[in-house]
C-alpha atoms as a PDB file:
ATOM      1  CA  UNK A   1     117.612 121.134  90.417  1.00  0.00           C
ATOM      2  CA  UNK A   2     116.131 118.189  90.218  1.00  0.00           C
ATOM      3  CA  UNK A   3     118.297 115.214  91.312  1.00  0.00           C
ATOM      4  CA  UNK A   4     120.153 114.908  94.204  1.00  0.00           C
ATOM      5  CA  UNK A   5     122.778 112.447  95.565  1.00  0.00           C
ATOM      6  CA  UNK A   6     121.353 111.219  98.920  1.00  0.00           C
ATOM      7  CA  UNK A   7     118.337 109.339  99.880  1.00  0.00           C
ATOM      8  CA  UNK A   8     116.767 109.221 102.809  1.00  0.00           C
ATOM      9  CA  UNK A   9     117.776 106.972 105.435  1.00  0.00           C
ATOM     10  CA  UNK A  10     121.660 107.403 103.900  1.00  0.00           C
ATOM     11  CA  UNK A  11     124.012 108.110 106.559  1.00  0.00           C
ATOM     12  CA  UNK A  12     125.807 111.505 105.746  1.00  0.00           C
ATOM     13  CA  UNK A  13     128.669 114.098 107.375  1.00  0.00           C
ATOM     14  CA  UNK A  14     127.898 117.905 107.475  1.00  0.00           C
ATOM     15  CA  UNK A  15     130.764 119.277 105.546  1.00  0.00           C
ATOM     16  CA  UNK A  16     129.981 123.414 106.129  1.00  0.00           C
ATOM     17  CA  UNK A  17     128.194 125.934 108.015  1.00  0.00           C
ATOM     18  CA  UNK A  18     127.565 125.727 112.104  1.00  0.00           C
ATOM     19  CA  UNK A  19     127.164 121.906 112.299  1.00  0.00           C
ATOM     20  CA  UNK A  20     130.146 121.306 109.801  1.00  0.00           C
ATOM     21  CA  UNK A  21     132.720 121.291 112.895  1.00  0.00           C
ATOM     22  CA  UNK A  22     130.992 118.538 115.133  1.00  0.00           C
ATOM     23  CA  UNK A  23     133.385 115.537 115.939  1.00  0.00           C
ATOM     24  CA  UNK A  24     132.829 112.704 117.773  1.00  0.00           C
ATOM     25  CA  UNK A  25     135.017 111.568 120.914  1.00  0.00           C
ATOM     26  CA  UNK A  26     137.540 109.645 118.235  1.00  0.00           C
ATOM     27  CA  UNK A  27     138.294 112.617 116.278  1.00  0.00           C
ATOM     28  CA  UNK A  28     135.835 111.674 113.180  1.00  0.00           C
ATOM     29  CA  UNK A  29     133.387 113.881 111.730  1.00  0.00           C
ATOM     30  CA  UNK A  30     129.836 113.140 113.501  1.00  0.00           C
ATOM     31  CA  UNK A  31     127.282 110.853 111.266  1.00  0.00           C
ATOM     32  CA  UNK A  32     123.754 111.529 111.284  1.00  0.00           C
ATOM     33  CA  UNK A  33     121.276 109.891 109.171  1.00  0.00           C
ATOM     34  CA  UNK A  34     119.057 111.808 106.548  1.00  0.00           C
ATOM     35  CA  UNK A  35     114.960 111.628 107.050  1.00  0.00           C
ATOM     36  CA  UNK A  36     113.715 113.781 104.149  1.00  0.00           C
ATOM     37  CA  UNK A  37     115.146 114.782 101.100  1.00  0.00           C
ATOM     38  CA  UNK A  38     113.316 117.533  98.420  1.00  0.00           C
ATOM     39  CA  UNK A  39     114.913 116.712  95.287  1.00  0.00           C
ATOM     40  CA  UNK A  40     112.607 120.015  94.067  1.00  0.00           C
ATOM     41  CA  UNK A  41     114.247 122.335  96.241  1.00  0.00           C
ATOM     42  CA  UNK A  42     117.961 120.779  96.162  1.00  0.00           C
ATOM     43  CA  UNK A  43     117.107 120.471 100.798  1.00  0.00           C
ATOM     44  CA  UNK A  44     117.421 117.699 102.900  1.00  0.00           C
ATOM     45  CA  UNK A  45     116.675 116.829 106.431  1.00  0.00           C
ATOM     46  CA  UNK A  46     118.977 115.567 108.430  1.00  0.00           C
ATOM     47  CA  UNK A  47     118.714 113.933 112.161  1.00  0.00           C
ATOM     48  CA  UNK A  48     119.753 115.970 115.070  1.00  0.00           C
ATOM     49  CA  UNK A  49     121.428 119.063 112.646  1.00  0.00           C
ATOM     50  CA  UNK A  50     120.108 122.388 111.779  1.00  0.00           C
ATOM     51  CA  UNK A  51     117.675 122.761 114.553  1.00  0.00           C
ATOM     52  CA  UNK A  52     115.065 125.344 115.152  1.00  0.00           C
ATOM     53  CA  UNK A  53     113.254 126.442 117.861  1.00  0.00           C
ATOM     54  CA  UNK A  54     109.205 126.701 116.898  1.00  0.00           C
ATOM     55  CA  UNK A  55     106.366 127.711 118.941  1.00  0.00           C
ATOM     56  CA  UNK A  56     103.004 125.623 118.711  1.00  0.00           C
ATOM     57  CA  UNK A  57      99.760 126.680 119.285  1.00  0.00           C
ATOM     58  CA  UNK A  58      97.571 124.097 121.067  1.00  0.00           C
ATOM     59  CA  UNK A  59      95.602 122.910 118.434  1.00  0.00           C
ATOM     60  CA  UNK A  60      92.689 121.061 120.359  1.00  0.00           C
ATOM     61  CA  UNK A  61      91.045 121.457 124.182  1.00  0.00           C
ATOM     62  CA  UNK A  62      93.572 119.674 126.944  1.00  0.00           C
ATOM     63  CA  UNK A  63      96.170 119.699 123.810  1.00  0.00           C
ATOM     64  CA  UNK A  64      99.663 121.385 125.320  1.00  0.00           C
ATOM     65  CA  UNK A  65     101.203 124.164 123.422  1.00  0.00           C
ATOM     66  CA  UNK A  66     104.943 125.306 123.629  1.00  0.00           C
ATOM     67  CA  UNK A  67     108.383 125.396 122.168  1.00  0.00           C
ATOM     68  CA  UNK A  68     109.446 122.819 120.379  1.00  0.00           C
ATOM     69  CA  UNK A  69     112.511 121.378 118.608  1.00  0.00           C
ATOM     70  CA  UNK A  70     112.661 120.538 115.156  1.00  0.00           C
ATOM     71  CA  UNK A  71     115.217 120.131 111.973  1.00  0.00           C
ATOM     72  CA  UNK A  72     114.762 122.548 109.714  1.00  0.00           C
ATOM     73  CA  UNK A  73     115.894 121.583 105.968  1.00  0.00           C
ATOM     74  CA  UNK A  74     119.764 122.635 104.359  1.00  0.00           C
ATOM     75  CA  UNK A  75     120.915 122.156 101.226  1.00  0.00           C
ATOM     76  CA  UNK A  76     121.920 118.850  99.702  1.00  0.00           C
ATOM     77  CA  UNK A  77     125.615 120.207  98.325  1.00  0.00           C
ATOM     78  CA  UNK A  78     126.058 120.741 102.002  1.00  0.00           C
ATOM     79  CA  UNK A  79     126.106 117.212 102.588  1.00  0.00           C
ATOM     80  CA  UNK A  80     128.159 114.091 102.304  1.00  0.00           C
ATOM     81  CA  UNK A  81     127.700 110.437 101.831  1.00  0.00           C
ATOM     82  CA  UNK A  82     128.818 108.369 103.776  1.00  0.00           C
ATOM     83  CA  UNK A  83     130.237 104.369 102.850  1.00  0.00           C
ATOM     84  CA  UNK A  84     128.420 101.999 104.619  1.00  0.00           C
ATOM     85  CA  UNK A  85     131.278  99.177 103.703  1.00  0.00           C
ATOM     86  CA  UNK A  86     134.154 101.403 104.433  1.00  0.00           C
ATOM     87  CA  UNK A  87     133.084 103.820 106.474  1.00  0.00           C
ATOM     88  CA  UNK A  88     134.872 107.048 104.928  1.00  0.00           C
ATOM     89  CA  UNK A  89     132.578 110.281 103.542  1.00  0.00           C
ATOM     90  CA  UNK A  90     133.408 109.636  99.978  1.00  0.00           C
ATOM     91  CA  UNK A  91     131.680 111.169  96.537  1.00  0.00           C
ATOM     92  CA  UNK A  92     128.688 108.440  95.005  1.00  0.00           C
ATOM     93  CA  UNK A  93     129.816 107.427  91.421  1.00  0.00           C
ATOM     94  CA  UNK A  94     126.979 105.064  89.099  1.00  0.00           C
ATOM     95  CA  UNK A  95     127.306 101.710  87.659  1.00  0.00           C
ATOM     96  CA  UNK A  96     124.826  99.980  85.136  1.00  0.00           C
ATOM     97  CA  UNK A  97     125.346  96.128  86.217  1.00  0.00           C
ATOM     98  CA  UNK A  98     124.498  93.708  83.377  1.00  0.00           C
ATOM     99  CA  UNK A  99     121.361  92.956  84.462  1.00  0.00           C
ATOM    100  CA  UNK A 100     120.766  96.751  83.865  1.00  0.00           C
ATOM    101  CA  UNK A 101     120.028  98.063  87.348  1.00  0.00           C
ATOM    102  CA  UNK A 102     121.540 101.218  87.715  1.00  0.00           C
ATOM    103  CA  UNK A 103     123.351 101.302  91.408  1.00  0.00           C
ATOM    104  CA  UNK A 104     125.585 103.762  93.495  1.00  0.00           C
ATOM    105  CA  UNK A 105     129.452 103.005  94.031  1.00  0.00           C
ATOM    106  CA  UNK A 106     131.626 104.535  96.456  1.00  0.00           C
ATOM    107  CA  UNK A 107     134.228 106.639  94.568  1.00  0.00           C
ATOM    108  CA  UNK A 108     137.018 105.472  97.612  1.00  0.00           C
ATOM    109  CA  UNK A 109     136.523 101.735  97.915  1.00  0.00           C
ATOM    110  CA  UNK A 110     134.818 100.788  94.464  1.00  0.00           C
ATOM    111  CA  UNK A 111     131.980  98.807  96.633  1.00  0.00           C
ATOM    112  CA  UNK A 112     128.156  98.717  95.707  1.00  0.00           C
ATOM    113  CA  UNK A 113     125.389 100.436  97.729  1.00  0.00           C
END
């Protein structure tokens, strides 16, 4: 897999898995931010999702070790982009503008982002 439908900094919701049923107080799915994208593996790291505990050793004198919580990568097909204009989870379309620039398009409202 070489292409991923999300970019770093995008807002996404999780579709499946342990964190897929996390909802806000309003009853909407919890929106998180993409921290890192790995297109070669087809994985993304999402803020606050897929947390794992890592046992960290102190590397230098005086540095403290311990148990640290960190986000682990998950497959990009498990997340769906949230449109910044309409705020709904949507698929991504592409459109070429008159000046030859390729932009992403919301499939629900038709807005570019």
